[in-house]
Protein backbone atom coordinates (compact mmCIF):
# COMPACT_ATOMS: atom_id res chain seq x y z
CA MET A 1 -50.93 -62.20 -154.47
CA THR A 2 -47.47 -62.65 -153.06
CA ASP A 3 -44.60 -60.22 -153.48
CA GLY A 4 -42.97 -62.70 -155.88
CA TYR A 5 -45.86 -62.46 -158.33
CA ARG A 6 -45.94 -58.69 -157.99
CA ALA A 7 -42.22 -58.43 -158.67
CA ALA A 8 -42.46 -60.70 -161.72
CA LEU A 9 -45.41 -58.74 -163.10
CA LEU A 10 -43.68 -55.40 -162.51
CA ASP A 11 -40.57 -56.78 -164.21
CA TRP A 12 -42.65 -57.85 -167.20
CA LEU A 13 -44.41 -54.48 -167.39
CA ALA A 14 -41.07 -52.65 -167.42
CA CYS A 15 -39.75 -54.99 -170.12
CA ALA A 16 -42.93 -54.47 -172.17
CA ALA A 17 -42.74 -50.69 -171.85
CA ARG A 18 -39.19 -50.64 -173.23
CA GLY A 19 -39.64 -53.55 -175.61
CA ALA A 20 -42.62 -51.91 -177.32
CA ARG A 21 -40.18 -49.86 -179.43
CA GLU A 22 -38.31 -52.91 -180.72
CA PRO A 23 -38.89 -53.99 -184.36
CA ALA A 24 -40.47 -57.34 -183.39
CA ALA A 25 -43.01 -55.64 -181.11
CA VAL A 26 -43.75 -52.94 -183.69
CA ALA A 27 -44.31 -55.64 -186.32
CA ALA A 28 -46.57 -57.60 -183.97
CA ARG A 29 -48.60 -54.46 -183.26
CA ALA A 30 -49.03 -53.87 -186.98
CA THR A 31 -50.85 -57.19 -187.47
CA GLY A 32 -54.15 -55.78 -186.22
CA ASP A 33 -56.07 -54.52 -183.25
CA GLY A 34 -58.18 -57.55 -182.36
CA LEU A 35 -57.88 -59.17 -178.95
CA LEU A 36 -55.47 -61.91 -180.07
CA GLU A 37 -53.31 -59.43 -181.96
CA ARG A 38 -53.13 -57.15 -178.92
CA VAL A 39 -52.13 -60.07 -176.69
CA ALA A 40 -49.45 -61.10 -179.21
CA ALA A 41 -48.12 -57.53 -179.45
CA ALA A 42 -47.95 -57.22 -175.66
CA GLY A 43 -46.26 -60.60 -175.47
CA ALA A 44 -43.67 -59.60 -178.06
CA ALA A 45 -42.98 -56.31 -176.28
CA GLY A 46 -42.54 -58.01 -172.91
CA HIS A 47 -40.23 -60.76 -174.11
CA VAL A 48 -38.28 -59.31 -177.03
CA LEU A 49 -35.41 -57.96 -174.92
CA ASP A 50 -35.16 -61.24 -172.98
CA PHE A 51 -34.81 -59.44 -169.65
CA ASP A 52 -38.12 -60.75 -168.34
CA ASP A 53 -38.36 -63.13 -165.39
CA THR A 54 -36.68 -66.52 -165.53
CA TYR A 55 -38.04 -69.38 -163.44
CA ALA A 56 -34.93 -71.46 -162.77
CA PRO A 57 -36.63 -74.75 -161.73
CA GLY A 58 -38.22 -74.93 -165.18
CA LEU A 59 -35.91 -72.64 -167.13
CA ALA A 60 -38.85 -70.64 -168.48
CA HIS A 61 -40.04 -67.04 -168.64
CA LEU A 62 -43.37 -67.46 -166.84
CA SER A 63 -44.63 -63.94 -167.43
CA ALA A 64 -43.97 -64.07 -171.18
CA ALA A 65 -47.42 -65.46 -171.92
CA THR A 66 -49.33 -65.21 -168.66
CA ALA A 67 -48.89 -61.46 -168.22
CA PRO A 68 -50.03 -60.34 -171.69
CA ALA A 69 -52.98 -62.73 -171.61
CA ALA A 70 -54.07 -61.52 -168.17
CA VAL A 71 -53.42 -57.80 -168.72
CA VAL A 72 -54.97 -57.48 -172.17
CA LEU A 73 -57.95 -59.76 -171.51
CA ALA A 74 -58.66 -58.08 -168.17
CA ALA A 75 -58.70 -54.71 -169.93
CA GLU A 76 -60.97 -56.10 -172.65
CA LEU A 77 -63.40 -57.46 -170.05
CA ASP A 78 -63.13 -54.32 -167.90
CA ALA A 79 -62.15 -56.63 -165.04
CA GLY A 80 -60.77 -55.19 -161.85
CA CYS A 81 -57.16 -55.23 -160.78
CA GLY A 82 -57.85 -58.04 -158.30
CA ALA A 83 -59.24 -60.27 -161.07
CA LEU A 84 -56.25 -59.49 -163.27
CA LEU A 85 -53.78 -60.33 -160.51
CA ASP A 86 -55.64 -63.52 -159.59
CA ALA A 87 -55.65 -64.68 -163.22
CA TYR A 88 -51.98 -63.81 -163.67
CA ALA A 89 -51.00 -65.71 -160.51
CA ALA A 90 -53.02 -68.78 -161.58
CA GLY A 91 -51.44 -68.80 -165.04
CA PHE A 92 -47.98 -68.20 -163.58
CA GLU A 93 -48.36 -71.15 -161.19
CA ALA A 94 -49.72 -73.47 -163.90
CA MET A 95 -46.98 -72.65 -166.36
CA GLY A 96 -44.36 -72.97 -163.64
CA ALA A 97 -45.65 -76.39 -162.61
CA LEU A 98 -45.54 -77.66 -166.20
CA ALA A 99 -42.06 -76.22 -166.86
CA ARG A 100 -40.74 -77.64 -163.58
CA ALA A 101 -42.20 -81.09 -164.32
CA CYS A 102 -40.53 -81.14 -167.75
CA HIS A 103 -37.13 -79.88 -166.64
CA PRO A 104 -34.41 -80.64 -167.64
CA ALA A 105 -35.57 -83.14 -170.27
CA LEU A 106 -37.44 -80.55 -172.31
CA TYR A 107 -34.48 -78.19 -172.59
CA GLU A 108 -31.95 -80.97 -173.12
CA GLY A 109 -34.15 -82.33 -175.90
CA GLY A 110 -33.74 -79.07 -177.80
CA TRP A 111 -37.02 -77.44 -176.83
CA HIS A 112 -37.52 -73.91 -175.50
CA PRO A 113 -39.50 -74.36 -172.24
CA THR A 114 -41.10 -70.91 -172.49
CA ALA A 115 -42.50 -71.63 -175.94
CA VAL A 116 -43.67 -75.12 -175.04
CA CYS A 117 -45.30 -74.23 -171.71
CA ALA A 118 -46.52 -70.68 -172.41
CA GLY A 119 -49.88 -71.57 -173.93
CA SER A 120 -50.94 -73.48 -170.85
CA GLY A 121 -50.19 -70.51 -168.57
CA ALA A 122 -52.05 -68.13 -170.86
CA ALA A 123 -55.00 -70.53 -171.08
CA VAL A 124 -55.25 -70.77 -167.30
CA ALA A 125 -55.11 -66.99 -166.93
CA ALA A 126 -57.75 -66.49 -169.62
CA ALA A 127 -59.99 -69.23 -168.24
CA ARG A 128 -59.88 -67.60 -164.81
CA LEU A 129 -60.82 -64.17 -166.20
CA LEU A 130 -63.58 -65.63 -168.36
CA GLY A 131 -64.99 -67.59 -165.42
CA LEU A 132 -64.88 -70.89 -167.31
CA ASP A 133 -66.10 -73.95 -165.48
CA ARG A 134 -63.64 -76.76 -164.79
CA GLU A 135 -64.42 -78.72 -167.96
CA ARG A 136 -64.11 -75.72 -170.28
CA ALA A 137 -60.92 -74.60 -168.55
CA ARG A 138 -59.45 -78.08 -169.01
CA THR A 139 -60.42 -77.99 -172.68
CA ALA A 140 -58.74 -74.60 -173.12
CA ILE A 141 -55.56 -75.91 -171.52
CA ALA A 142 -55.65 -79.08 -173.63
CA LEU A 143 -56.02 -77.03 -176.81
CA ALA A 144 -53.09 -74.84 -175.76
CA LEU A 145 -50.93 -77.92 -175.14
CA LEU A 146 -51.84 -79.32 -178.56
CA ARG A 147 -50.25 -76.25 -180.11
CA ALA A 148 -47.10 -76.36 -177.98
CA GLY A 149 -43.84 -75.99 -179.83
CA GLY A 150 -40.61 -74.06 -179.90
CA LEU A 151 -37.24 -75.48 -180.79
CA ARG A 152 -34.28 -73.75 -179.19
CA ALA A 153 -32.50 -73.91 -182.54
CA ALA A 154 -35.12 -71.68 -184.12
């Protein structure tokens, strides 16, 4: 893992630690303690203050979805730190590639690149941790893209 990934992950962790006290993160945490609810709560905590990383070539917060998916799922699976970091880096790269490929048209069209591209990054990170084969990983990513959305006006 390069220093850039480490810095982005550390940035996200710091944002999540402080953001956990914000009303949106508290509300997300109150929805339940299942795996998906814990990922959502971590995601809310890490992004609510909007100080998390910004990937300029795609105008997206790449750690917003990839970090909570990797961190929470790795903990759930009792995966090692190396597996967590590998999954995070894979999701970060995938989300960055999609955001970059869609920029600036996505943003200029009124869409929030983080919201649109986040599911794909989280799916890649999760697929890596779960050890999905290529076909199942592609299916996970396709399902994430089917649910993409996020108007800037919202």
